[in-house]
Protein backbone atom coordinates (compact mmCIF):
# COMPACT_ATOMS: atom_id res chain seq x y z
CA MET A 1 94.60 76.72 147.73
CA ARG A 2 91.85 77.43 150.21
CA ALA A 3 88.29 76.38 149.51
CA PRO A 4 86.70 79.81 149.19
CA GLN A 5 89.44 80.83 146.55
CA LEU A 6 88.99 77.57 144.65
CA VAL A 7 85.06 77.77 144.66
CA SER A 8 85.55 81.40 143.43
CA GLU A 9 87.74 80.25 140.47
CA ALA A 10 85.54 77.43 139.69
CA ALA A 11 82.42 79.75 139.44
CA ASP A 12 84.17 82.09 137.42
CA TRP A 13 85.16 79.33 134.94
CA PHE A 14 81.66 77.97 134.84
CA ALA A 15 80.46 81.57 133.86
CA ARG A 16 83.09 82.12 131.20
CA MET A 17 82.45 78.57 129.58
CA GLN A 18 78.79 79.66 129.19
CA GLU A 19 79.46 82.62 126.97
CA ALA A 20 79.09 82.14 123.16
CA ASP A 21 82.25 83.43 122.04
CA VAL A 22 84.53 81.18 124.14
CA SER A 23 87.92 80.94 122.30
CA ALA A 24 89.92 77.90 121.68
CA ALA A 25 92.67 79.38 123.88
CA ASP A 26 90.27 79.91 126.72
CA ARG A 27 89.01 76.34 126.38
CA GLU A 28 92.60 74.98 126.62
CA LEU A 29 93.34 77.15 129.70
CA PHE A 30 90.07 75.99 131.24
CA ASP A 31 91.13 72.37 130.58
CA ALA A 32 94.44 72.79 132.11
CA TRP A 33 92.71 74.45 135.23
CA LEU A 34 90.15 71.62 135.51
CA LEU A 35 92.63 68.87 135.37
CA THR A 36 95.22 70.41 137.60
CA SER A 37 93.80 68.30 140.61
CA PRO A 38 90.84 66.23 141.74
CA ALA A 39 89.88 69.20 143.90
CA HIS A 40 89.30 71.48 140.68
CA ILE A 41 87.19 68.76 139.28
CA ALA A 42 85.16 68.41 142.15
CA ALA A 43 84.82 72.36 142.85
CA TYR A 44 83.58 73.00 139.06
CA LEU A 45 81.08 69.98 139.37
CA GLN A 46 79.73 71.18 142.55
CA VAL A 47 79.25 74.87 141.16
CA SER A 48 77.58 73.27 138.13
CA ARG A 49 75.24 71.13 140.45
CA VAL A 50 74.34 74.23 142.65
CA TRP A 51 73.75 76.32 139.80
CA GLY A 52 71.24 73.80 138.25
CA ASP A 53 69.53 73.43 141.60
CA LEU A 54 69.24 77.30 141.88
CA GLY A 55 67.80 77.61 138.28
CA SER A 56 69.50 80.09 135.77
CA ALA A 57 69.43 81.56 132.34
CA LEU A 58 71.55 78.88 130.82
CA ASP A 59 70.52 76.93 127.92
CA GLU A 60 72.21 73.75 128.81
CA MET A 61 74.42 72.08 131.58
CA PRO A 62 77.92 70.64 130.83
CA ASP A 63 78.00 67.01 130.10
CA MET A 64 78.73 65.36 133.44
CA GLU A 65 79.57 61.95 131.89
CA THR A 66 81.91 63.41 129.51
CA LEU A 67 83.80 65.54 132.18
CA ALA A 68 83.91 62.32 134.43
CA SER A 69 85.35 60.17 131.82
CA ALA A 70 87.92 62.90 130.70
CA ALA A 71 88.85 63.08 134.46
CA ARG A 72 89.35 59.57 134.75
CA ASP A 73 91.44 59.11 131.67
CA GLU A 74 93.80 61.86 132.62
CA PRO A 75 96.98 60.36 133.97
CA HIS A 76 98.29 63.40 135.57
CA VAL A 77 95.39 63.56 138.05
CA GLU A 78 96.10 59.93 138.84
CA ASN A 79 92.70 58.94 137.38
CA VAL A 80 91.11 60.54 140.44
CA VAL A 81 87.70 62.03 140.54
CA ALA A 82 85.61 63.19 143.51
CA LEU A 83 83.03 60.35 144.01
CA SER A 84 80.29 62.80 145.24
CA ARG A 85 80.75 65.27 142.40
CA VAL A 86 81.22 62.97 139.39
CA ASP A 87 80.13 59.60 139.92
CA ALA A 88 76.80 60.79 141.63
CA LEU A 89 76.15 63.30 139.10
CA SER A 90 76.91 61.14 136.04
CA ALA A 91 75.26 58.09 137.40
CA GLY A 92 71.47 58.82 136.67
CA ARG A 93 71.25 62.37 137.17
CA PRO A 94 69.83 64.12 134.02
CA ALA A 95 71.29 67.31 132.50
CA HIS A 96 69.52 70.43 133.69
CA GLN A 97 67.47 72.35 131.19
CA PHE A 98 67.41 75.99 131.70
CA ARG A 99 65.11 78.65 130.88
CA PRO A 100 66.11 81.09 128.07
CA ALA A 101 66.78 84.72 129.39
CA GLY A 102 64.15 87.32 129.49
CA PRO A 103 63.91 89.95 126.62
CA GLY A 104 66.89 92.57 126.92
CA THR A 105 68.95 90.37 129.10
CA SER A 106 72.48 89.30 127.84
CA ARG A 107 73.44 85.72 128.47
CA SER A 108 76.76 86.85 129.67
CA GLY A 109 75.24 89.34 131.91
CA VAL A 110 72.92 87.24 133.70
CA VAL A 111 75.81 84.54 134.12
CA ARG A 112 78.27 86.96 135.59
CA ALA A 113 76.01 88.82 137.88
CA ALA A 114 75.02 85.67 139.53
CA VAL A 115 78.66 84.39 140.05
CA ALA A 116 79.10 85.92 143.68
CA ALA A 117 75.70 84.37 144.89
CA LEU A 118 76.63 80.92 143.27
CA ALA A 119 79.93 80.91 145.05
CA ALA A 120 78.24 81.57 148.30
CA ALA A 121 75.84 78.83 147.77
CA VAL A 122 78.43 76.34 146.92
CA LEU A 123 80.24 77.22 149.82
CA THR A 124 77.25 76.60 152.03
CA SER A 125 76.56 73.49 150.25
CA ALA A 126 80.20 72.31 150.81
CA VAL A 127 79.94 72.75 154.43
CA TRP A 128 76.71 70.75 154.55
CA LEU A 129 78.30 67.87 152.36
CA LEU A 130 81.39 67.85 154.48
CA VAL A 131 79.28 67.36 157.77
CA ASP A 132 77.24 64.71 156.09
CA HIS A 133 80.21 63.00 154.82
CA ARG A 134 81.78 62.85 158.43
CA MET A 135 78.53 61.65 160.02
CA ALA A 136 77.14 58.97 157.60
CA PRO A 137 79.26 56.15 156.05
CA ILE A 138 79.60 55.72 152.48
CA TYR A 139 79.40 52.31 150.88
CA LEU A 140 81.54 51.51 147.85
CA GLU A 141 81.61 48.35 145.70
CA THR A 142 83.34 47.42 142.29
CA GLY A 143 81.97 44.47 140.13
CA VAL A 144 84.27 41.91 138.40
CA GLY A 145 86.94 43.74 136.17
CA GLU A 146 85.88 47.17 137.64
CA GLN A 147 88.18 49.81 139.20
CA ARG A 148 87.35 53.01 141.01
CA SER A 149 89.44 55.92 142.38
CA ILE A 150 87.91 58.05 144.89
CA SER A 151 89.17 61.26 146.37
CA LEU A 152 87.97 61.23 150.23
CA ALA A 153 87.00 64.41 151.94
CA ASP A 154 90.24 64.48 153.99
CA GLY A 155 92.18 64.70 150.83
CA SER A 156 93.18 60.93 150.93
CA ILE A 157 92.83 58.90 147.62
CA MET A 158 91.58 55.30 147.66
CA HIS A 159 91.91 53.02 144.48
CA LEU A 160 89.44 50.43 144.61
CA ASN A 161 90.33 46.93 142.71
CA THR A 162 87.95 44.46 141.01
CA GLY A 163 85.42 42.70 143.11
CA SER A 164 85.94 44.86 146.15
CA GLN A 165 83.51 45.98 148.86
CA ALA A 166 84.46 49.01 151.18
CA ARG A 167 82.60 51.25 153.86
CA VAL A 168 84.15 54.66 154.46
CA ARG A 169 83.44 56.85 157.52
CA LEU A 170 85.30 59.89 158.61
CA ASN A 171 84.80 61.65 161.85
CA ASP A 172 86.66 64.07 164.08
CA SER A 173 88.48 61.38 165.97
CA GLU A 174 89.29 58.68 163.29
CA ARG A 175 89.12 57.80 159.60
CA ARG A 176 88.03 54.43 159.17
CA ILE A 177 87.74 52.17 156.12
CA VAL A 178 86.33 48.69 156.51
CA LEU A 179 87.49 46.75 153.33
CA SER A 180 84.95 43.81 153.60
CA ARG A 181 86.60 41.88 150.59
CA GLY A 182 88.85 42.86 147.69
CA GLU A 183 91.77 45.16 147.28
CA ALA A 184 92.46 48.73 147.52
CA ARG A 185 95.58 51.10 147.67
CA PHE A 186 95.61 54.12 149.81
CA THR A 187 97.35 57.32 149.57
CA VAL A 188 96.76 58.95 153.08
CA ALA A 189 96.63 62.65 153.70
CA ARG A 190 98.46 63.60 156.86
CA ASP A 191 96.34 64.37 159.85
CA SER A 192 97.94 63.70 163.19
CA ARG A 193 94.64 64.34 165.31
CA ARG A 194 92.89 61.42 163.19
CA PRO A 195 94.29 58.14 162.64
CA PHE A 196 93.81 56.49 159.31
CA VAL A 197 92.54 52.89 159.92
CA VAL A 198 91.69 50.02 157.41
CA VAL A 199 89.79 47.08 158.93
CA THR A 200 89.49 43.77 157.25
CA PRO A 201 87.97 40.43 158.41
CA GLN A 202 91.56 39.40 159.73
CA ALA A 203 93.32 42.54 160.41
CA THR A 204 93.57 46.27 161.29
CA VAL A 205 96.07 48.51 159.44
CA ARG A 206 96.89 51.81 161.03
CA ALA A 207 98.77 54.64 159.19
CA ILE A 208 99.25 58.57 159.64
CA GLY A 209 100.66 59.55 156.35
CA THR A 210 101.63 57.00 153.74
CA VAL A 211 100.96 54.98 150.71
CA PHE A 212 100.06 51.27 151.15
CA ASN A 213 98.03 48.44 149.65
CA VAL A 214 95.63 46.12 151.32
CA GLN A 215 94.25 42.89 149.85
CA ALA A 216 91.54 40.90 151.54
CA ALA A 217 90.89 37.64 149.86
CA ALA A 218 90.82 33.82 150.49
CA GLY A 219 90.73 34.13 154.47
CA ASN A 220 93.80 36.24 154.56
CA THR A 221 94.87 40.00 154.45
CA ALA A 222 98.00 41.02 152.75
CA VAL A 223 99.66 44.45 153.13
CA THR A 224 102.38 46.22 151.05
CA VAL A 225 103.87 49.59 152.09
CA LEU A 226 104.70 51.69 149.13
CA GLU A 227 105.73 54.86 151.37
CA GLY A 228 105.73 55.66 154.84
CA ARG A 229 104.97 53.30 157.72
CA VAL A 230 101.84 51.27 158.96
CA ALA A 231 101.11 49.16 162.02
CA LEU A 232 99.45 45.82 161.04
CA SER A 233 97.73 43.92 163.67
CA ALA A 234 95.42 40.76 163.78
CA VAL A 235 91.52 41.14 164.65
CA THR A 236 91.78 37.91 166.57
CA PRO A 237 94.59 36.21 168.61
CA GLY A 238 96.58 33.53 167.16
CA ALA A 239 96.88 29.94 168.19
CA ALA A 240 99.19 30.99 170.91
CA GLY A 241 96.70 33.31 172.40
CA ALA A 242 98.53 36.38 171.48
CA ALA A 243 97.56 38.94 168.92
CA ALA A 244 99.86 39.33 166.12
CA TYR A 245 101.59 42.86 165.60
CA LEU A 246 104.10 44.13 163.15
CA GLU A 247 105.13 47.71 161.90
CA LEU A 248 105.95 47.76 158.30
CA ASP A 249 108.26 50.28 156.49
CA ALA A 250 108.40 51.22 152.92
CA GLY A 251 109.09 48.36 150.61
CA GLN A 252 107.89 45.76 153.16
CA GLN A 253 104.86 43.47 152.97
CA ALA A 254 103.15 40.89 155.36
CA THR A 255 100.34 38.55 155.42
CA LEU A 256 97.91 37.95 158.24
CA THR A 257 95.62 34.68 158.30
CA GLY A 258 92.18 34.35 159.56
CA GLN A 259 93.81 32.06 162.35
CA GLY A 260 96.03 35.30 163.55
CA GLU A 261 99.13 33.85 162.16
CA LEU A 262 101.39 36.70 160.61
CA TYR A 263 103.95 36.10 157.99
CA ALA A 264 106.38 38.69 156.86
CA ASP A 265 107.89 39.17 153.25
CA THR A 266 104.61 37.72 151.68
CA GLY A 267 101.76 39.25 149.79
CA PRO A 268 101.86 41.46 146.52
CA SER A 269 105.27 43.02 145.73
CA LEU A 270 105.73 46.87 145.47
CA GLU A 271 105.77 46.40 141.59
CA GLN A 272 102.51 44.55 141.81
CA ALA A 273 100.74 47.22 143.93
CA ARG A 274 101.79 50.14 141.90
CA ALA A 275 100.77 48.24 138.55
CA TRP A 276 97.14 47.28 139.31
CA PRO A 277 95.54 50.70 139.31
CA GLN A 278 96.88 51.10 135.76
CA ARG A 279 95.23 47.76 135.03
CA GLN A 280 98.55 46.07 134.70
CA LEU A 281 99.32 42.52 136.03
CA VAL A 282 102.81 41.95 136.98
CA PHE A 283 104.26 38.14 137.60
CA ARG A 284 107.73 37.42 138.51
CA ASP A 285 108.33 33.68 138.94
CA ASP A 286 104.66 33.02 139.85
CA THR A 287 102.94 29.84 138.97
CA LEU A 288 100.45 29.49 136.24
CA ALA A 289 97.73 28.82 138.87
CA GLU A 290 98.56 32.02 140.67
CA VAL A 291 98.58 33.85 137.38
CA VAL A 292 95.26 32.48 136.36
CA ALA A 293 93.65 33.00 139.81
CA GLU A 294 94.75 36.66 139.57
CA PHE A 295 93.17 37.02 135.82
CA ASN A 296 90.10 35.27 137.08
CA ARG A 297 89.49 38.08 139.45
CA TYR A 298 88.81 40.61 136.48
CA HIS A 299 86.84 38.51 134.23
CA THR A 300 83.32 36.68 134.52
CA ALA A 301 84.39 34.26 131.98
CA SER A 302 87.16 32.32 133.94
CA ILE A 303 90.21 30.16 133.01
CA ARG A 304 90.67 26.73 134.27
CA ILE A 305 93.87 24.54 134.35
CA ASP A 306 93.25 21.00 133.76
CA ASP A 307 96.77 19.66 134.73
CA PRO A 308 98.38 19.69 138.20
CA LEU A 309 101.87 20.01 136.66
CA LEU A 310 100.79 22.80 134.17
CA ALA A 311 99.44 24.61 137.23
CA GLY A 312 103.13 24.83 138.64
CA LEU A 313 104.46 26.41 135.46
CA LYS A 314 106.51 29.52 136.42
CA ILE A 315 105.50 32.58 134.58
CA ASN A 316 107.36 35.93 133.95
CA GLY A 317 105.59 39.01 132.32
CA VAL A 318 103.38 41.95 132.33
CA PHE A 319 99.86 41.52 131.19
CA ASP A 320 96.87 43.70 130.55
CA ALA A 321 94.24 42.76 133.30
CA ARG A 322 91.40 43.39 130.69
CA ASP A 323 93.01 41.15 128.10
CA SER A 324 92.96 37.55 129.05
CA ALA A 325 93.27 36.62 125.54
CA SER A 326 96.96 37.83 125.83
CA LEU A 327 97.68 35.22 128.51
CA ILE A 328 96.25 32.41 126.13
CA GLU A 329 98.25 33.65 123.40
CA TYR A 330 101.50 33.84 125.46
CA LEU A 331 101.04 30.26 126.55
CA GLN A 332 100.23 29.01 123.03
CA ARG A 333 103.29 30.66 121.88
CA TYR A 334 105.76 30.03 124.48
CA ARG A 335 104.51 26.88 126.06
CA ASP A 336 103.19 23.57 124.96
CA VAL A 337 99.53 23.95 125.77
CA HIS A 338 96.14 23.04 124.42
CA VAL A 339 93.22 25.41 124.94
CA GLN A 340 89.57 24.48 124.89
CA ASP A 341 86.72 26.83 124.69
CA LEU A 342 83.88 26.73 126.91
CA PRO A 343 80.41 28.11 126.55
CA GLY A 344 80.16 31.62 127.94
CA GLY A 345 83.71 32.49 126.84
CA GLY A 346 85.56 30.42 129.49
CA LYS A 347 88.89 28.42 128.65
CA VAL A 348 90.33 25.08 129.83
CA ILE A 349 94.17 24.82 129.56
CA SER A 350 95.76 21.46 129.36
CA ARG A 351 98.77 19.69 128.05
CA PRO A 352 98.55 18.20 124.38
CA ARG A 353 97.70 14.57 124.18
CA ARG A 354 100.71 12.64 122.46
């Protein structure tokens, strides 16, 4: 849908939802329209914002935090919300308080009379925001256990995992994401004129239209391709003096080390890359040390293994990343382990003394 038509629809819905006699059926239709796609959410929030900036005869603004929460919780929009519309508005921006309408002026009449002007103002604002987004980088960061899903201005979607830091810059020749640390999964909108490039301390990943996962941790960069094709290259030459380069197709993964060494068929599996945006951790014949390290990425109260043999124990299963207690319960139920509580909520796992 073209932007002018979408903005017009958003403005019309905004006007309709301010009426005093909104029916339950209209509310259901509005919910369905709003959650059709991230673009609908972004358009509605932008209309709301511009309306508040202009001033109006409305009594109150829609609850931005409620709308943001609803958008994040809806699975059929992939938990995607427009960063500049939801997060920025719901994080610290107070709801607008509007002046009551003057004598003899109906609420409905005031709202609908201004819809055309509002839509025009939004379109003007949208152009400014687009230019600003292309010119200035956006910095994003997630804390321990936090995940964010961001809809970029080009239509691409970035899922940012726990403990990650990224910088986004879009311009007329390139779309560049610098992933300083952590993990992100990208669904890339096709744009043959502007390559989509992800840069980590170890690697450069280049794609045109694809879905792929990048994990930058422990001095290595691991790339997993879910759809399409990417080109992976080292930032620095390897020991032999040549820069590593590899093209990966869907279903393939590889890891680049800080020394420029490239290892194919290593890194997060497709199953793992698909699961983490739903806060699920998938383990298939992984060691307990690897399992604990992955869990610790999501929690400030960490788990420690106090036995080398126990650390090598192989684990299979699917766990909720938010629920480290489920791992402890699993180990106590199916493995012979002793668990000691630490101050602050941490745990030490060891083998029972005989």
